[in-house]
Amino acid sequence: MPKSQLRSTNSAFHRRLLIGLGVLLAAALTAGLAARLSGGGHSDRPAATPTATATTRAAPPTAPPATTAASAETGAGVARPPGTSSPTEFAQAFARTLWSYDTRTLDQQSFVSGLRLWLTPESQYADGASVEAQVPDPVLWSRMRDHAQTSSAAIAEAHLPAAYERAIAKDPSALTAAYIYAVTVTGKVEVAWTGGGRGAEARAITLAVQCRPQQDCVLAAIAPTVYP
């Protein structure tokens, strides 16, 4: 098969996969099962200047060290994927990594590079754009760094959405095509910034996690909407 035709076939298959996942999760939304946290319009993007729920005094943070090009390319400072065959365990670890950062010691490119290391090596399934979309852009990250913003996450739980489980029960062969599981993770994120400012919020995210038999799980994509 010519390379151009192969690329076209892979691209079409990737689109069908993502559309299929979207339709599956949309079923939950149509049934009234989907819910955004924080009043229905929550965004997973960290705010540049969060609203404090409580304010305390603290010593100013130390100046961040310079970030090298090498660390940006390798994603140094970002947690690596766990060696697990459990889609829920993997999803919890990824969500914790996505929601935890220290802008004083990590630049935006390093953070994105580190998160991309969690993606499946199977390019027809890996949606790096959906991962990068969850990270503040370089300008916003710079503003966050000006305020020495940090974030830490406590994961509550992870589960397979009800709509996903029903669809797989109805057609088990849909899973064995690529072994991709939809997993929703919930947790609490605490943010701190210059001057002792602090804020906290509940978060949720739905991930497409690939767990092939006898292989460690990897990330395929992040769903644009959260599903219970």
Protein backbone atom coordinates (compact mmCIF):
# COMPACT_ATOMS: atom_id res chain seq x y z
CA MET A 1 0.00 0.00 0.00
CA PRO A 2 1.46 3.45 -0.90
CA LYS A 3 2.64 5.52 2.10
CA SER A 4 0.22 8.34 1.30
CA GLN A 5 -2.70 5.91 1.30
CA LEU A 6 -1.47 4.33 4.56
CA ARG A 7 -1.28 7.74 6.24
CA SER A 8 -4.77 8.52 5.02
CA THR A 9 -6.08 5.21 6.37
CA ASN A 10 -4.45 5.76 9.77
CA SER A 11 -5.79 9.31 9.96
CA ALA A 12 -9.29 8.16 9.12
CA PHE A 13 -9.09 5.36 11.70
CA HIS A 14 -7.87 7.82 14.35
CA ARG A 15 -10.79 10.14 13.60
CA ARG A 16 -13.24 7.23 13.85
CA LEU A 17 -11.75 6.22 17.18
CA LEU A 18 -12.06 9.70 18.67
CA ILE A 19 -15.52 10.21 17.19
CA GLY A 20 -16.56 6.83 18.60
CA LEU A 21 -15.34 7.78 22.05
CA GLY A 22 -17.06 11.13 21.75
CA VAL A 23 -20.36 9.51 20.76
CA LEU A 24 -20.05 7.05 23.62
CA LEU A 25 -19.46 9.78 26.17
CA ALA A 26 -22.08 12.02 24.57
CA ALA A 27 -24.61 9.32 25.41
CA ALA A 28 -23.99 10.05 29.06
CA LEU A 29 -24.41 13.76 28.43
CA THR A 30 -27.68 13.22 26.57
CA ALA A 31 -28.97 11.09 29.42
CA GLY A 32 -28.25 13.89 31.86
CA LEU A 33 -25.37 12.02 33.48
CA ALA A 34 -22.56 14.44 32.55
CA ALA A 35 -21.60 17.07 35.08
CA ARG A 36 -18.97 19.77 35.15
CA LEU A 37 -17.53 20.52 38.55
CA SER A 38 -17.79 23.94 40.17
CA GLY A 39 -21.26 24.78 38.98
CA GLY A 40 -21.32 23.27 35.51
CA GLY A 41 -18.82 25.45 33.68
CA HIS A 42 -15.53 24.38 35.17
CA SER A 43 -12.37 24.49 33.10
CA ASP A 44 -9.43 22.21 33.88
CA ARG A 45 -7.01 25.00 33.05
CA PRO A 46 -5.34 26.54 36.13
CA ALA A 47 -6.10 30.23 36.54
CA ALA A 48 -3.32 32.77 36.27
CA THR A 49 -4.45 34.56 39.43
CA PRO A 50 -6.78 32.25 41.39
CA THR A 51 -9.40 33.62 43.74
CA ALA A 52 -8.34 32.90 47.29
CA THR A 53 -10.63 31.00 49.60
CA ALA A 54 -8.27 31.74 52.48
CA THR A 55 -5.24 33.99 52.74
CA THR A 56 -2.25 33.64 55.03
CA ARG A 57 1.13 35.29 55.27
CA ALA A 58 4.21 33.45 54.16
CA ALA A 59 7.78 34.25 53.27
CA PRO A 60 8.30 35.18 49.59
CA PRO A 61 9.37 32.19 47.49
CA THR A 62 12.95 31.90 46.40
CA ALA A 63 13.84 32.78 42.83
CA PRO A 64 13.41 29.85 40.42
CA PRO A 65 16.51 28.32 38.87
CA ALA A 66 17.10 28.76 35.16
CA THR A 67 15.55 26.07 32.96
CA THR A 68 17.81 24.51 30.36
CA ALA A 69 16.86 23.49 26.85
CA ALA A 70 17.73 19.89 27.71
CA SER A 71 15.23 19.76 30.57
CA ALA A 72 12.52 21.20 28.32
CA GLU A 73 13.12 18.53 25.70
CA THR A 74 13.12 15.62 28.15
CA GLY A 75 10.36 16.84 30.46
CA ALA A 76 12.70 16.83 33.47
CA GLY A 77 10.87 17.49 36.71
CA VAL A 78 7.61 15.82 35.59
CA ALA A 79 6.58 12.46 37.06
CA ARG A 80 6.98 9.46 34.77
CA PRO A 81 4.18 6.96 33.99
CA PRO A 82 3.69 4.18 36.53
CA GLY A 83 4.20 0.59 35.44
CA THR A 84 0.65 -0.67 35.84
CA SER A 85 -1.92 -2.64 33.87
CA SER A 86 -4.83 -1.01 35.73
CA PRO A 87 -6.54 1.76 33.70
CA THR A 88 -7.95 3.39 36.85
CA GLU A 89 -4.60 3.34 38.66
CA PHE A 90 -2.90 4.81 35.60
CA ALA A 91 -5.59 7.49 35.20
CA GLN A 92 -5.22 8.57 38.83
CA ALA A 93 -1.46 8.89 38.43
CA PHE A 94 -1.79 10.94 35.25
CA ALA A 95 -4.42 13.28 36.72
CA ARG A 96 -2.22 13.86 39.77
CA THR A 97 0.70 14.73 37.49
CA LEU A 98 -1.41 16.99 35.25
CA TRP A 99 -2.80 18.91 38.23
CA SER A 100 0.52 19.24 40.09
CA TYR A 101 3.19 21.73 39.07
CA ASP A 102 5.63 24.34 40.40
CA THR A 103 6.08 27.27 38.02
CA ARG A 104 9.12 28.42 40.03
CA THR A 105 11.17 25.44 38.87
CA LEU A 106 9.39 24.22 35.72
CA ASP A 107 8.68 26.00 32.45
CA GLN A 108 5.67 25.37 30.23
CA GLN A 109 7.56 23.49 27.52
CA SER A 110 9.13 21.11 30.06
CA PHE A 111 5.72 20.40 31.57
CA VAL A 112 4.16 19.65 28.17
CA SER A 113 7.12 17.47 27.16
CA GLY A 114 6.86 15.51 30.39
CA LEU A 115 3.14 14.90 29.94
CA ARG A 116 3.67 13.74 26.36
CA LEU A 117 5.87 10.93 27.67
CA TRP A 118 2.67 9.37 29.05
CA LEU A 119 1.19 9.02 25.54
CA THR A 120 0.91 5.72 23.70
CA PRO A 121 3.67 5.15 21.12
CA GLU A 122 0.94 4.06 18.68
CA SER A 123 0.62 7.31 16.76
CA GLN A 124 -2.80 6.45 15.34
CA TYR A 125 -4.21 6.62 18.89
CA ALA A 126 -2.02 9.26 20.55
CA ASP A 127 -3.75 12.65 20.76
CA GLY A 128 -1.03 14.96 22.04
CA ALA A 129 -3.08 18.05 21.23
CA SER A 130 -5.74 17.07 23.77
CA VAL A 131 -3.03 16.87 26.44
CA GLU A 132 -1.42 20.19 25.58
CA ALA A 133 -4.86 21.83 25.59
CA GLN A 134 -5.02 21.15 29.34
CA VAL A 135 -1.82 23.15 29.99
CA PRO A 136 -1.77 26.97 30.17
CA ASP A 137 -0.11 28.48 27.10
CA PRO A 138 3.42 29.95 27.45
CA VAL A 139 2.15 33.51 28.03
CA LEU A 140 -0.25 32.46 30.78
CA TRP A 141 2.37 30.17 32.30
CA SER A 142 4.77 33.14 32.42
CA ARG A 143 2.19 35.16 34.32
CA MET A 144 1.71 32.28 36.72
CA ARG A 145 5.47 32.09 37.19
CA ASP A 146 5.57 35.81 37.98
CA HIS A 147 3.32 34.97 40.93
CA ALA A 148 5.39 31.85 41.83
CA GLN A 149 2.24 29.74 41.45
CA THR A 150 2.26 26.11 42.54
CA SER A 151 -0.43 23.45 42.48
CA SER A 152 -0.86 20.13 44.28
CA ALA A 153 -3.54 17.50 43.76
CA ALA A 154 -5.24 14.96 46.00
CA ILE A 155 -7.03 12.28 43.98
CA ALA A 156 -10.39 11.08 45.32
CA GLU A 157 -11.18 8.20 42.96
CA ALA A 158 -11.28 6.91 39.37
CA HIS A 159 -13.94 4.86 37.62
CA LEU A 160 -15.23 3.77 34.21
CA PRO A 161 -18.21 5.96 33.16
CA ALA A 162 -21.53 4.14 33.18
CA ALA A 163 -22.13 4.84 29.48
CA TYR A 164 -18.78 3.30 28.60
CA GLU A 165 -19.45 0.16 30.63
CA ARG A 166 -22.86 -0.28 29.00
CA ALA A 167 -21.42 0.15 25.52
CA ILE A 168 -18.65 -2.39 26.14
CA ALA A 169 -21.10 -4.87 27.66
CA LYS A 170 -23.23 -4.53 24.55
CA ASP A 171 -20.30 -4.92 22.14
CA PRO A 172 -17.16 -6.42 23.78
CA SER A 173 -15.33 -6.41 20.45
CA ALA A 174 -15.26 -2.61 20.59
CA LEU A 175 -12.69 -2.88 23.39
CA THR A 176 -10.37 -5.44 21.81
CA ALA A 177 -9.81 -3.29 18.72
CA ALA A 178 -7.43 -0.98 20.61
CA TYR A 179 -7.94 -1.79 24.33
CA ILE A 180 -8.81 1.81 25.15
CA TYR A 181 -10.75 2.47 28.36
CA ALA A 182 -12.61 5.65 29.29
CA VAL A 183 -11.77 6.60 32.89
CA THR A 184 -13.11 9.54 34.88
CA VAL A 185 -10.93 10.83 37.73
CA THR A 186 -12.05 13.21 40.48
CA GLY A 187 -9.95 15.06 43.01
CA LYS A 188 -9.14 18.32 44.77
CA VAL A 189 -6.53 20.83 43.66
CA GLU A 190 -4.86 23.35 45.97
CA VAL A 191 -3.09 26.35 44.44
CA ALA A 192 -0.69 28.74 46.16
CA TRP A 193 0.99 31.93 44.95
CA THR A 194 3.16 34.85 46.06
CA GLY A 195 2.34 36.50 49.38
CA GLY A 196 0.74 33.47 50.97
CA GLY A 197 -2.36 33.41 48.75
CA ARG A 198 -4.11 30.05 48.53
CA GLY A 199 -7.13 28.59 46.76
CA ALA A 200 -8.74 25.17 46.30
CA GLU A 201 -11.26 23.59 43.96
CA ALA A 202 -12.73 20.20 43.06
CA ARG A 203 -11.84 18.86 39.62
CA ALA A 204 -12.70 15.98 37.33
CA ILE A 205 -11.34 14.75 34.02
CA THR A 206 -12.13 11.89 31.64
CA LEU A 207 -9.19 10.10 30.03
CA ALA A 208 -8.84 7.54 27.25
CA VAL A 209 -6.34 5.02 28.60
CA GLN A 210 -4.85 2.23 26.47
CA CYS A 211 -4.05 -0.99 28.36
CA ARG A 212 -3.10 -3.78 25.98
CA PRO A 213 -2.72 -7.30 27.45
CA GLN A 214 0.70 -7.93 29.06
CA GLN A 215 1.66 -4.25 28.59
CA ASP A 216 1.73 -1.24 30.89
CA CYS A 217 -1.05 1.28 30.40
CA VAL A 218 -0.45 4.46 28.40
CA LEU A 219 -2.50 7.55 27.65
CA ALA A 220 -4.40 7.87 24.37
CA ALA A 221 -6.30 11.15 24.82
CA ILE A 222 -8.15 13.49 27.14
CA ALA A 223 -11.90 13.82 26.57
CA PRO A 224 -13.14 17.40 26.09
CA THR A 225 -15.98 16.87 28.59
CA VAL A 226 -16.16 15.23 32.01
CA TYR A 227 -18.50 12.23 32.35
CA PRO A 228 -19.64 10.43 35.51
